Amino acid sequence: MTTSPPVPVRYLKGDATAPQAKGVKIIAHVCNDAGGWGKGFVLAVSRRWPEPEAAYRRWHRARAGNDFALGAVQFVRTEKYVWIANMIGQHGTRTGSKGPPVRYEAIGTALETLAARAVELGASVHMPRIGCGLAGGRWDVVEPLIAQTLVAAGVAVTVYYFD
């Protein structure tokens, strides 16, 4: 029996908060572990739906008694067929002595959780270039993590970019 190769990541010019696909969709993005929500892609998410920000803030406030930490993922349903994945993949919000806030290992762990949920829901995944904006990450490091987790699990992935 032969298996077909995984579908590569699809790149589209556009808005990741308006995913271009049928069926269940998960919009994934990277959050920090400091409780900050107010710059970057999260602003586009909040303009469209209030629930992901409110859920993230509750999750952070109650962090002593939950799994809020690098590598964790919170799934928030915003519409019948749309979920938001708040992935903790950034330590703090500023570049410091240990470099930019991006934490690639945490993003990889979060992507594994995301892949499992996407398979469970039969969902496609939509995202900006996660970890590469305010987190200061490099796409040539993040893209292989997406291939090793989501693409390897057979999940359709679309990455959106603005001009």
Protein backbone atom coordinates (compact mmCIF):
# COMPACT_ATOMS: atom_id res chain seq x y z
CA MET A 1 0.00 0.00 0.00
CA THR A 2 1.38 3.42 -0.88
CA THR A 3 0.59 6.52 1.06
CA SER A 4 0.45 9.94 -0.46
CA PRO A 5 2.94 12.50 0.77
CA PRO A 6 1.67 15.09 3.26
CA VAL A 7 0.11 18.19 1.78
CA PRO A 8 2.56 21.08 2.09
CA VAL A 9 1.74 24.26 3.96
CA ARG A 10 -0.39 26.60 1.86
CA TYR A 11 0.49 30.32 1.86
CA LEU A 12 -2.16 32.95 1.19
CA LYS A 13 -2.17 36.71 1.18
CA GLY A 14 -4.94 37.76 3.54
CA ASP A 15 -6.30 37.77 7.06
CA ALA A 16 -5.87 34.69 9.25
CA THR A 17 -8.98 35.71 11.25
CA ALA A 18 -11.02 35.09 8.08
CA PRO A 19 -9.88 31.54 7.22
CA GLN A 20 -10.35 30.41 3.63
CA ALA A 21 -11.61 26.84 3.99
CA LYS A 22 -14.72 24.77 4.47
CA GLY A 23 -15.49 22.79 7.62
CA VAL A 24 -14.02 23.17 11.08
CA LYS A 25 -11.16 25.66 11.33
CA ILE A 26 -8.68 26.36 14.12
CA ILE A 27 -6.92 29.72 14.09
CA ALA A 28 -3.62 29.33 15.90
CA HIS A 29 -1.39 32.05 17.29
CA VAL A 30 1.39 32.48 19.84
CA CYS A 31 0.78 34.19 23.18
CA ASN A 32 3.23 35.20 25.89
CA ASP A 33 3.50 33.71 29.38
CA ALA A 34 3.27 37.14 31.06
CA GLY A 35 -0.48 37.67 30.70
CA GLY A 36 -0.06 40.43 28.11
CA TRP A 37 -2.62 40.71 25.31
CA GLY A 38 -2.57 43.99 23.45
CA LYS A 39 -0.14 44.03 20.52
CA GLY A 40 0.27 42.15 17.28
CA PHE A 41 -2.06 39.50 15.88
CA VAL A 42 -4.13 39.29 19.07
CA LEU A 43 -5.58 42.71 18.24
CA ALA A 44 -7.08 41.29 15.04
CA VAL A 45 -8.45 38.33 17.00
CA SER A 46 -10.01 40.64 19.62
CA ARG A 47 -11.57 42.87 16.97
CA ARG A 48 -13.42 39.86 15.64
CA TRP A 49 -14.23 37.91 18.82
CA PRO A 50 -14.04 38.92 22.52
CA GLU A 51 -13.94 35.34 23.86
CA PRO A 52 -10.28 34.40 23.16
CA GLU A 53 -8.88 37.40 25.04
CA ALA A 54 -11.27 36.95 27.97
CA ALA A 55 -10.42 33.23 28.17
CA TYR A 56 -6.67 33.91 27.98
CA ARG A 57 -6.86 36.51 30.76
CA ARG A 58 -8.89 34.13 33.00
CA TRP A 59 -6.41 31.33 32.25
CA HIS A 60 -3.47 33.56 33.19
CA ARG A 61 -5.14 34.88 36.37
CA ALA A 62 -5.82 31.32 37.58
CA ARG A 63 -2.38 30.02 36.47
CA ALA A 64 -1.45 28.80 39.95
CA GLY A 65 -4.13 26.12 39.60
CA ASN A 66 -4.03 25.24 35.91
CA ASP A 67 -1.69 24.35 33.03
CA PHE A 68 -0.85 27.94 31.95
CA ALA A 69 2.84 27.70 31.02
CA LEU A 70 5.16 27.60 28.04
CA GLY A 71 3.95 24.95 25.60
CA ALA A 72 0.33 24.92 26.83
CA VAL A 73 -2.63 25.50 24.51
CA GLN A 74 -6.07 26.86 25.29
CA PHE A 75 -8.83 26.16 22.74
CA VAL A 76 -11.65 28.69 22.59
CA ARG A 77 -14.69 28.12 20.39
CA THR A 78 -15.83 31.38 18.78
CA GLU A 79 -18.31 30.16 16.14
CA LYS A 80 -19.91 26.85 15.24
CA TYR A 81 -16.97 25.92 12.98
CA VAL A 82 -14.21 28.22 14.29
CA TRP A 83 -11.85 27.69 17.21
CA ILE A 84 -8.94 29.83 18.42
CA ALA A 85 -5.81 28.14 19.77
CA ASN A 86 -4.03 30.38 22.30
CA MET A 87 -0.55 28.78 22.32
CA ILE A 88 1.97 29.86 24.96
CA GLY A 89 5.22 30.06 23.00
CA GLN A 90 6.79 33.31 24.12
CA HIS A 91 8.56 34.03 27.44
CA GLY A 92 7.79 37.58 28.45
CA THR A 93 7.29 40.37 25.93
CA ARG A 94 10.72 41.93 25.39
CA THR A 95 14.09 40.93 24.01
CA GLY A 96 16.56 40.57 26.85
CA SER A 97 19.89 38.98 27.67
CA LYS A 98 18.53 35.57 26.58
CA GLY A 99 17.48 36.91 23.18
CA PRO A 100 13.99 37.42 21.77
CA PRO A 101 10.96 36.17 23.71
CA VAL A 102 10.17 33.33 21.27
CA ARG A 103 10.60 29.83 22.70
CA TYR A 104 10.78 27.33 19.85
CA GLU A 105 10.55 24.25 22.08
CA ALA A 106 7.31 25.60 23.59
CA ILE A 107 5.90 26.30 20.13
CA GLY A 108 6.77 22.74 19.09
CA THR A 109 5.02 21.32 22.16
CA ALA A 110 1.97 23.52 21.53
CA LEU A 111 1.87 22.45 17.88
CA GLU A 112 1.80 18.78 18.94
CA THR A 113 -1.27 19.50 21.09
CA LEU A 114 -2.80 21.51 18.24
CA ALA A 115 -2.21 18.66 15.77
CA ALA A 116 -3.99 16.18 18.05
CA ARG A 117 -6.98 18.51 18.49
CA ALA A 118 -7.17 19.28 14.76
CA VAL A 119 -7.22 15.56 13.94
CA GLU A 120 -9.87 14.98 16.63
CA LEU A 121 -12.08 17.76 15.22
CA GLY A 122 -11.29 17.06 11.55
CA ALA A 123 -10.17 20.69 11.36
CA SER A 124 -7.83 22.67 9.17
CA VAL A 125 -5.39 25.06 10.86
CA HIS A 126 -4.94 28.72 9.92
CA MET A 127 -2.31 31.11 11.27
CA PRO A 128 -0.09 34.08 10.66
CA ARG A 129 3.67 33.39 10.72
CA ILE A 130 3.46 32.36 14.37
CA GLY A 131 6.26 33.36 16.69
CA CYS A 132 7.85 35.61 14.06
CA GLY A 133 6.29 38.98 14.86
CA LEU A 134 6.62 40.50 18.30
CA ALA A 135 8.10 37.24 19.65
CA GLY A 136 11.14 37.78 17.41
CA GLY A 137 11.32 34.28 15.97
CA ARG A 138 12.62 33.12 12.61
CA TRP A 139 10.30 31.48 10.09
CA ASP A 140 13.05 29.12 8.91
CA VAL A 141 12.95 27.63 12.44
CA VAL A 142 9.17 27.70 12.96
CA GLU A 143 8.13 26.30 9.57
CA PRO A 144 9.88 22.92 10.13
CA LEU A 145 8.08 22.63 13.49
CA ILE A 146 4.78 22.99 11.63
CA ALA A 147 5.87 20.31 9.14
CA GLN A 148 6.94 17.90 11.92
CA THR A 149 3.66 18.26 13.83
CA LEU A 150 0.64 19.45 11.85
CA VAL A 151 1.66 18.43 8.33
CA ALA A 152 2.99 15.06 9.55
CA ALA A 153 -0.40 14.42 11.22
CA GLY A 154 -2.18 15.08 7.92
CA VAL A 155 -3.62 18.43 8.99
CA ALA A 156 -4.22 21.04 6.27
CA VAL A 157 -2.34 24.22 7.22
CA THR A 158 -2.71 27.69 5.73
CA VAL A 159 -0.34 30.50 6.67
CA TYR A 160 -1.58 34.02 5.95
CA TYR A 161 0.55 37.07 5.30
CA PHE A 162 -0.08 40.74 4.61
CA ASP A 163 1.88 42.74 2.06
